[in-house]
Amino acid sequence: MVQPLSRTRKFRMQWLVPAAALMVLAACEAPQRPTDYRERSKPTVGKETVSLTVAVPAVGAGLAGIEATKLEQFVSRFVAQGQGQITVQATDAAAGTARELLLKQGVRSGEITLTPIAAGAANTARLSYTAATVTLPDCADWSSNATFNWSNRTHANFGCATQRNLGAMVEDPADLDKAKDMGGADGEHSAGVINNYRTAPVKAPTKASTSKGATK
């Protein structure tokens, strides 16, 4: 004979079934945020136009003072973060001189594009190029409950500081999206090193090396 449920057991059953159903639904629910901190706190890479207007000196002369410092900093950032080429906008008379200034700073000839303008100051040139920028993640998300975590998901701020530091330290933000291609190896130098190793005369063992294994 089946015994009827007591009032207490009925109360427990009334709450147990809905609670179990909620737990099943919560377990099947998609995560509200990416579980991988590298995607959740990924630095955002963008682009910006870097420009500099320089007073072009007379032919054969160079820049001096603050003008020389600005050009050096401009080229240094282009080498580290520049994408594409440096565009020189100037009159025909000033464009050639500005190009020579860039070549003296170490810019390759193929990295310079001259864009003549019909009218403008004869002794002024506008230099510009595209550079990568980075927007760092904001590590201020404390919405997760660190004390009650039955789903075992990582905290909302987990790994954010690491990603923020990486974005702040990288020299070229474009490397965060795609690493630079490796440079070609110097085959002639490598072959010379191997040839020197093979043709080097064999040295006779020294007295110290021959007596190491000797026993009295």
C-alpha atoms as a PDB file:
ATOM      1  CA  MET A   1       0.000   0.000   0.000  1.00  0.00           C
ATOM      2  CA  VAL A   2       1.410   3.356  -1.061  1.00  0.00           C
ATOM      3  CA  GLN A   3       1.709   5.800   1.779  1.00  0.00           C
ATOM      4  CA  PRO A   4       0.435   9.331   1.050  1.00  0.00           C
ATOM      5  CA  LEU A   5       3.070  12.093   0.984  1.00  0.00           C
ATOM      6  CA  SER A   6       3.357  14.173   4.075  1.00  0.00           C
ATOM      7  CA  ARG A   7       2.900  17.928   3.952  1.00  0.00           C
ATOM      8  CA  THR A   8       6.649  18.499   4.357  1.00  0.00           C
ATOM      9  CA  ARG A   9       7.546  16.132   1.528  1.00  0.00           C
ATOM     10  CA  LYS A  10       4.945  17.729  -0.719  1.00  0.00           C
ATOM     11  CA  PHE A  11       6.468  21.153  -0.016  1.00  0.00           C
ATOM     12  CA  ARG A  12       9.938  19.906  -0.837  1.00  0.00           C
ATOM     13  CA  MET A  13       8.784  18.294  -4.103  1.00  0.00           C
ATOM     14  CA  GLN A  14       7.022  21.478  -5.167  1.00  0.00           C
ATOM     15  CA  TRP A  15      10.302  23.400  -4.975  1.00  0.00           C
ATOM     16  CA  LEU A  16      12.670  20.642  -6.058  1.00  0.00           C
ATOM     17  CA  VAL A  17      11.241  20.167  -9.569  1.00  0.00           C
ATOM     18  CA  PRO A  18      11.326  23.880 -10.590  1.00  0.00           C
ATOM     19  CA  ALA A  19      14.810  24.276  -9.090  1.00  0.00           C
ATOM     20  CA  ALA A  20      16.088  21.284 -11.060  1.00  0.00           C
ATOM     21  CA  ALA A  21      14.541  22.646 -14.250  1.00  0.00           C
ATOM     22  CA  LEU A  22      16.199  26.029 -13.729  1.00  0.00           C
ATOM     23  CA  MET A  23      19.588  24.387 -13.205  1.00  0.00           C
ATOM     24  CA  VAL A  24      19.223  22.429 -16.461  1.00  0.00           C
ATOM     25  CA  LEU A  25      18.261  25.561 -18.380  1.00  0.00           C
ATOM     26  CA  ALA A  26      21.143  27.525 -16.865  1.00  0.00           C
ATOM     27  CA  ALA A  27      23.589  24.776 -17.798  1.00  0.00           C
ATOM     28  CA  CYS A  28      22.380  24.889 -21.413  1.00  0.00           C
ATOM     29  CA  GLU A  29      22.438  28.681 -21.612  1.00  0.00           C
ATOM     30  CA  ALA A  30      25.125  30.177 -23.838  1.00  0.00           C
ATOM     31  CA  PRO A  31      27.897  32.089 -22.015  1.00  0.00           C
ATOM     32  CA  GLN A  32      27.249  35.808 -21.702  1.00  0.00           C
ATOM     33  CA  ARG A  33      30.878  36.580 -22.570  1.00  0.00           C
ATOM     34  CA  PRO A  34      33.745  34.756 -24.333  1.00  0.00           C
ATOM     35  CA  THR A  35      35.460  32.245 -22.080  1.00  0.00           C
ATOM     36  CA  ASP A  36      38.904  32.891 -23.596  1.00  0.00           C
ATOM     37  CA  TYR A  37      40.436  35.997 -22.026  1.00  0.00           C
ATOM     38  CA  ARG A  38      42.465  36.606 -25.220  1.00  0.00           C
ATOM     39  CA  GLU A  39      39.216  37.269 -27.062  1.00  0.00           C
ATOM     40  CA  ARG A  40      37.368  38.903 -24.173  1.00  0.00           C
ATOM     41  CA  SER A  41      40.116  41.462 -23.449  1.00  0.00           C
ATOM     42  CA  LYS A  42      41.744  41.708 -26.857  1.00  0.00           C
ATOM     43  CA  PRO A  43      43.441  45.056 -27.654  1.00  0.00           C
ATOM     44  CA  THR A  44      41.789  46.682 -30.666  1.00  0.00           C
ATOM     45  CA  VAL A  45      44.097  47.581 -33.557  1.00  0.00           C
ATOM     46  CA  GLY A  46      43.243  50.587 -35.722  1.00  0.00           C
ATOM     47  CA  LYS A  47      44.890  53.024 -38.114  1.00  0.00           C
ATOM     48  CA  GLU A  48      45.702  56.707 -38.136  1.00  0.00           C
ATOM     49  CA  THR A  49      47.399  59.166 -40.471  1.00  0.00           C
ATOM     50  CA  VAL A  50      50.652  60.617 -39.141  1.00  0.00           C
ATOM     51  CA  SER A  51      51.646  63.878 -40.807  1.00  0.00           C
ATOM     52  CA  LEU A  52      54.384  66.471 -40.503  1.00  0.00           C
ATOM     53  CA  THR A  53      54.873  69.792 -42.246  1.00  0.00           C
ATOM     54  CA  VAL A  54      58.523  70.726 -42.671  1.00  0.00           C
ATOM     55  CA  ALA A  55      60.202  73.859 -43.893  1.00  0.00           C
ATOM     56  CA  VAL A  56      62.355  72.635 -46.773  1.00  0.00           C
ATOM     57  CA  PRO A  57      65.839  74.195 -46.668  1.00  0.00           C
ATOM     58  CA  ALA A  58      67.871  75.340 -49.629  1.00  0.00           C
ATOM     59  CA  VAL A  59      69.355  72.715 -51.922  1.00  0.00           C
ATOM     60  CA  GLY A  60      72.366  71.097 -50.263  1.00  0.00           C
ATOM     61  CA  ALA A  61      71.474  72.309 -46.780  1.00  0.00           C
ATOM     62  CA  GLY A  62      69.944  70.240 -44.002  1.00  0.00           C
ATOM     63  CA  LEU A  63      67.454  70.799 -41.243  1.00  0.00           C
ATOM     64  CA  ALA A  64      68.605  72.047 -37.857  1.00  0.00           C
ATOM     65  CA  GLY A  65      67.237  72.443 -34.364  1.00  0.00           C
ATOM     66  CA  ILE A  66      63.640  71.509 -33.637  1.00  0.00           C
ATOM     67  CA  GLU A  67      62.906  70.874 -37.334  1.00  0.00           C
ATOM     68  CA  ALA A  68      65.591  68.178 -37.484  1.00  0.00           C
ATOM     69  CA  THR A  69      64.314  66.573 -34.262  1.00  0.00           C
ATOM     70  CA  LYS A  70      60.724  66.452 -35.525  1.00  0.00           C
ATOM     71  CA  LEU A  71      61.782  64.807 -38.784  1.00  0.00           C
ATOM     72  CA  GLU A  72      63.900  62.236 -36.940  1.00  0.00           C
ATOM     73  CA  GLN A  73      60.985  61.307 -34.656  1.00  0.00           C
ATOM     74  CA  PHE A  74      58.638  61.175 -37.666  1.00  0.00           C
ATOM     75  CA  VAL A  75      60.897  58.726 -39.505  1.00  0.00           C
ATOM     76  CA  SER A  76      61.563  56.643 -36.372  1.00  0.00           C
ATOM     77  CA  ARG A  77      57.845  56.013 -35.916  1.00  0.00           C
ATOM     78  CA  PHE A  78      57.488  55.186 -39.611  1.00  0.00           C
ATOM     79  CA  VAL A  79      60.190  52.526 -39.310  1.00  0.00           C
ATOM     80  CA  ALA A  80      58.522  51.032 -36.218  1.00  0.00           C
ATOM     81  CA  GLN A  81      54.805  51.374 -37.038  1.00  0.00           C
ATOM     82  CA  GLY A  82      54.445  52.739 -40.567  1.00  0.00           C
ATOM     83  CA  GLN A  83      52.390  50.946 -43.177  1.00  0.00           C
ATOM     84  CA  GLY A  84      52.847  51.553 -46.879  1.00  0.00           C
ATOM     85  CA  GLN A  85      54.835  54.580 -47.947  1.00  0.00           C
ATOM     86  CA  ILE A  86      55.590  58.157 -46.961  1.00  0.00           C
ATOM     87  CA  THR A  87      53.696  60.588 -49.160  1.00  0.00           C
ATOM     88  CA  VAL A  88      55.398  63.905 -49.906  1.00  0.00           C
ATOM     89  CA  GLN A  89      53.052  66.706 -50.945  1.00  0.00           C
ATOM     90  CA  ALA A  90      54.976  69.716 -52.182  1.00  0.00           C
ATOM     91  CA  THR A  91      55.709  71.812 -55.230  1.00  0.00           C
ATOM     92  CA  ASP A  92      58.146  70.399 -57.754  1.00  0.00           C
ATOM     93  CA  ALA A  93      60.929  72.564 -56.361  1.00  0.00           C
ATOM     94  CA  ALA A  94      60.446  71.413 -52.748  1.00  0.00           C
ATOM     95  CA  ALA A  95      59.531  67.754 -53.391  1.00  0.00           C
ATOM     96  CA  GLY A  96      63.004  66.719 -54.531  1.00  0.00           C
ATOM     97  CA  THR A  97      64.668  68.368 -51.546  1.00  0.00           C
ATOM     98  CA  ALA A  98      62.212  66.769 -49.114  1.00  0.00           C
ATOM     99  CA  ARG A  99      62.909  63.384 -50.688  1.00  0.00           C
ATOM    100  CA  GLU A 100      66.638  63.839 -50.133  1.00  0.00           C
ATOM    101  CA  LEU A 101      66.010  64.688 -46.474  1.00  0.00           C
ATOM    102  CA  LEU A 102      64.102  61.426 -46.028  1.00  0.00           C
ATOM    103  CA  LEU A 103      66.799  59.402 -47.768  1.00  0.00           C
ATOM    104  CA  LYS A 104      69.416  60.838 -45.409  1.00  0.00           C
ATOM    105  CA  GLN A 105      67.238  59.702 -42.470  1.00  0.00           C
ATOM    106  CA  GLY A 106      67.418  56.114 -43.731  1.00  0.00           C
ATOM    107  CA  VAL A 107      64.103  55.858 -45.595  1.00  0.00           C
ATOM    108  CA  ARG A 108      64.362  53.613 -48.674  1.00  0.00           C
ATOM    109  CA  SER A 109      63.752  55.103 -52.078  1.00  0.00           C
ATOM    110  CA  GLY A 110      60.834  52.742 -52.727  1.00  0.00           C
ATOM    111  CA  GLU A 111      59.123  53.907 -49.530  1.00  0.00           C
ATOM    112  CA  ILE A 112      58.691  57.488 -50.765  1.00  0.00           C
ATOM    113  CA  THR A 113      55.865  58.697 -52.994  1.00  0.00           C
ATOM    114  CA  LEU A 114      55.984  62.198 -54.425  1.00  0.00           C
ATOM    115  CA  THR A 115      52.668  63.980 -54.934  1.00  0.00           C
ATOM    116  CA  PRO A 116      53.303  67.324 -56.635  1.00  0.00           C
ATOM    117  CA  ILE A 117      50.904  70.185 -55.979  1.00  0.00           C
ATOM    118  CA  ALA A 118      50.302  73.032 -58.394  1.00  0.00           C
ATOM    119  CA  ALA A 119      50.308  75.833 -55.851  1.00  0.00           C
ATOM    120  CA  GLY A 120      51.773  76.248 -52.408  1.00  0.00           C
ATOM    121  CA  ALA A 121      54.749  77.500 -50.472  1.00  0.00           C
ATOM    122  CA  ALA A 122      57.939  76.810 -52.371  1.00  0.00           C
ATOM    123  CA  ASN A 123      59.831  75.922 -49.193  1.00  0.00           C
ATOM    124  CA  THR A 124      57.205  73.759 -47.418  1.00  0.00           C
ATOM    125  CA  ALA A 125      56.420  70.039 -47.728  1.00  0.00           C
ATOM    126  CA  ARG A 126      53.758  67.920 -46.039  1.00  0.00           C
ATOM    127  CA  LEU A 127      54.852  64.384 -45.161  1.00  0.00           C
ATOM    128  CA  SER A 128      52.338  61.698 -44.188  1.00  0.00           C
ATOM    129  CA  TYR A 129      51.932  57.941 -43.770  1.00  0.00           C
ATOM    130  CA  THR A 130      49.521  55.458 -42.206  1.00  0.00           C
ATOM    131  CA  ALA A 131      50.428  53.919 -38.834  1.00  0.00           C
ATOM    132  CA  ALA A 132      48.806  51.315 -36.632  1.00  0.00           C
ATOM    133  CA  THR A 133      47.258  52.293 -33.306  1.00  0.00           C
ATOM    134  CA  VAL A 134      45.986  50.233 -30.388  1.00  0.00           C
ATOM    135  CA  THR A 135      43.052  50.721 -28.028  1.00  0.00           C
ATOM    136  CA  LEU A 136      43.686  48.963 -24.717  1.00  0.00           C
ATOM    137  CA  PRO A 137      40.972  46.990 -22.915  1.00  0.00           C
ATOM    138  CA  ASP A 138      39.349  48.601 -19.890  1.00  0.00           C
ATOM    139  CA  CYS A 139      40.084  46.346 -16.908  1.00  0.00           C
ATOM    140  CA  ALA A 140      37.249  47.558 -14.700  1.00  0.00           C
ATOM    141  CA  ASP A 141      34.677  44.800 -15.111  1.00  0.00           C
ATOM    142  CA  TRP A 142      34.000  43.452 -11.635  1.00  0.00           C
ATOM    143  CA  SER A 143      30.499  42.217 -12.454  1.00  0.00           C
ATOM    144  CA  SER A 144      31.318  38.558 -11.826  1.00  0.00           C
ATOM    145  CA  ASN A 145      30.787  37.042  -8.407  1.00  0.00           C
ATOM    146  CA  ALA A 146      34.174  35.735  -7.287  1.00  0.00           C
ATOM    147  CA  THR A 147      32.806  33.912  -4.227  1.00  0.00           C
ATOM    148  CA  PHE A 148      29.883  32.015  -5.802  1.00  0.00           C
ATOM    149  CA  ASN A 149      30.846  30.478  -9.157  1.00  0.00           C
ATOM    150  CA  TRP A 150      29.016  27.192  -9.651  1.00  0.00           C
ATOM    151  CA  SER A 151      29.522  27.357 -13.443  1.00  0.00           C
ATOM    152  CA  ASN A 152      33.333  27.497 -12.971  1.00  0.00           C
ATOM    153  CA  ARG A 153      33.701  30.296 -15.511  1.00  0.00           C
ATOM    154  CA  THR A 154      36.635  32.658 -15.308  1.00  0.00           C
ATOM    155  CA  HIS A 155      36.129  36.034 -13.674  1.00  0.00           C
ATOM    156  CA  ALA A 156      35.157  38.919 -15.968  1.00  0.00           C
ATOM    157  CA  ASN A 157      38.520  40.603 -15.342  1.00  0.00           C
ATOM    158  CA  PHE A 158      40.613  37.432 -15.632  1.00  0.00           C
ATOM    159  CA  GLY A 159      43.601  37.991 -17.943  1.00  0.00           C
ATOM    160  CA  CYS A 160      42.682  41.595 -18.725  1.00  0.00           C
ATOM    161  CA  ALA A 161      45.800  43.095 -17.117  1.00  0.00           C
ATOM    162  CA  THR A 162      48.031  40.760 -19.143  1.00  0.00           C
ATOM    163  CA  GLN A 163      46.364  41.774 -22.391  1.00  0.00           C
ATOM    164  CA  ARG A 164      46.504  45.461 -21.481  1.00  0.00           C
ATOM    165  CA  ASN A 165      50.221  45.276 -20.679  1.00  0.00           C
ATOM    166  CA  LEU A 166      50.893  43.439 -23.942  1.00  0.00           C
ATOM    167  CA  GLY A 167      49.132  46.132 -25.945  1.00  0.00           C
ATOM    168  CA  ALA A 168      51.061  48.861 -24.131  1.00  0.00           C
ATOM    169  CA  MET A 169      54.468  47.233 -24.651  1.00  0.00           C
ATOM    170  CA  VAL A 170      54.303  46.083 -28.272  1.00  0.00           C
ATOM    171  CA  GLU A 171      56.314  48.333 -30.594  1.00  0.00           C
ATOM    172  CA  ASP A 172      54.074  47.928 -33.625  1.00  0.00           C
ATOM    173  CA  PRO A 173      50.378  47.417 -32.776  1.00  0.00           C
ATOM    174  CA  ALA A 174      49.853  45.787 -36.189  1.00  0.00           C
ATOM    175  CA  ASP A 175      51.785  42.761 -34.867  1.00  0.00           C
ATOM    176  CA  LEU A 176      48.825  42.015 -32.578  1.00  0.00           C
ATOM    177  CA  ASP A 177      46.778  41.142 -35.680  1.00  0.00           C
ATOM    178  CA  LYS A 178      49.510  39.616 -37.820  1.00  0.00           C
ATOM    179  CA  ALA A 179      53.189  39.061 -37.148  1.00  0.00           C
ATOM    180  CA  LYS A 180      55.734  40.408 -39.604  1.00  0.00           C
ATOM    181  CA  ASP A 181      57.155  38.035 -42.171  1.00  0.00           C
ATOM    182  CA  MET A 182      60.561  36.568 -41.363  1.00  0.00           C
ATOM    183  CA  GLY A 183      63.481  37.992 -43.290  1.00  0.00           C
ATOM    184  CA  GLY A 184      65.385  35.802 -45.699  1.00  0.00           C
ATOM    185  CA  ALA A 185      68.475  33.997 -44.450  1.00  0.00           C
ATOM    186  CA  ASP A 186      71.910  34.971 -45.767  1.00  0.00           C
ATOM    187  CA  GLY A 187      72.878  31.798 -47.610  1.00  0.00           C
ATOM    188  CA  GLU A 188      76.367  32.985 -48.525  1.00  0.00           C
ATOM    189  CA  HIS A 189      77.205  33.772 -44.901  1.00  0.00           C
ATOM    190  CA  SER A 190      75.824  30.428 -43.677  1.00  0.00           C
ATOM    191  CA  ALA A 191      77.813  28.516 -46.317  1.00  0.00           C
ATOM    192  CA  GLY A 192      80.973  30.399 -45.330  1.00  0.00           C
ATOM    193  CA  VAL A 193      80.549  29.472 -41.652  1.00  0.00           C
ATOM    194  CA  ILE A 194      80.098  25.783 -42.509  1.00  0.00           C
ATOM    195  CA  ASN A 195      83.088  25.831 -44.876  1.00  0.00           C
ATOM    196  CA  ASN A 196      85.313  27.417 -42.227  1.00  0.00           C
ATOM    197  CA  TYR A 197      84.281  24.730 -39.750  1.00  0.00           C
ATOM    198  CA  ARG A 198      85.070  21.927 -42.193  1.00  0.00           C
ATOM    199  CA  THR A 199      88.422  23.303 -43.370  1.00  0.00           C
ATOM    200  CA  ALA A 200      89.732  24.495 -40.002  1.00  0.00           C
ATOM    201  CA  PRO A 201      92.928  22.671 -38.966  1.00  0.00           C
ATOM    202  CA  VAL A 202      92.566  20.114 -36.195  1.00  0.00           C
ATOM    203  CA  LYS A 203      94.220  21.336 -33.026  1.00  0.00           C
ATOM    204  CA  ALA A 204      96.470  18.965 -31.100  1.00  0.00           C
ATOM    205  CA  PRO A 205      95.191  18.171 -27.584  1.00  0.00           C
ATOM    206  CA  THR A 206      96.851  20.227 -24.884  1.00  0.00           C
ATOM    207  CA  LYS A 207      98.638  18.761 -21.891  1.00  0.00           C
ATOM    208  CA  ALA A 208      95.831  19.833 -19.561  1.00  0.00           C
ATOM    209  CA  SER A 209      93.186  18.062 -21.627  1.00  0.00           C
ATOM    210  CA  THR A 210      95.152  14.792 -21.921  1.00  0.00           C
ATOM    211  CA  SER A 211      95.819  14.625 -18.195  1.00  0.00           C
ATOM    212  CA  LYS A 212      92.173  15.040 -17.178  1.00  0.00           C
ATOM    213  CA  GLY A 213      91.364  11.363 -17.478  1.00  0.00           C
ATOM    214  CA  ALA A 214      94.651  10.107 -16.063  1.00  0.00           C
ATOM    215  CA  THR A 215      94.590   8.216 -12.756  1.00  0.00           C
ATOM    216  CA  LYS A 216      97.364   7.710 -10.306  1.00  0.00           C
END
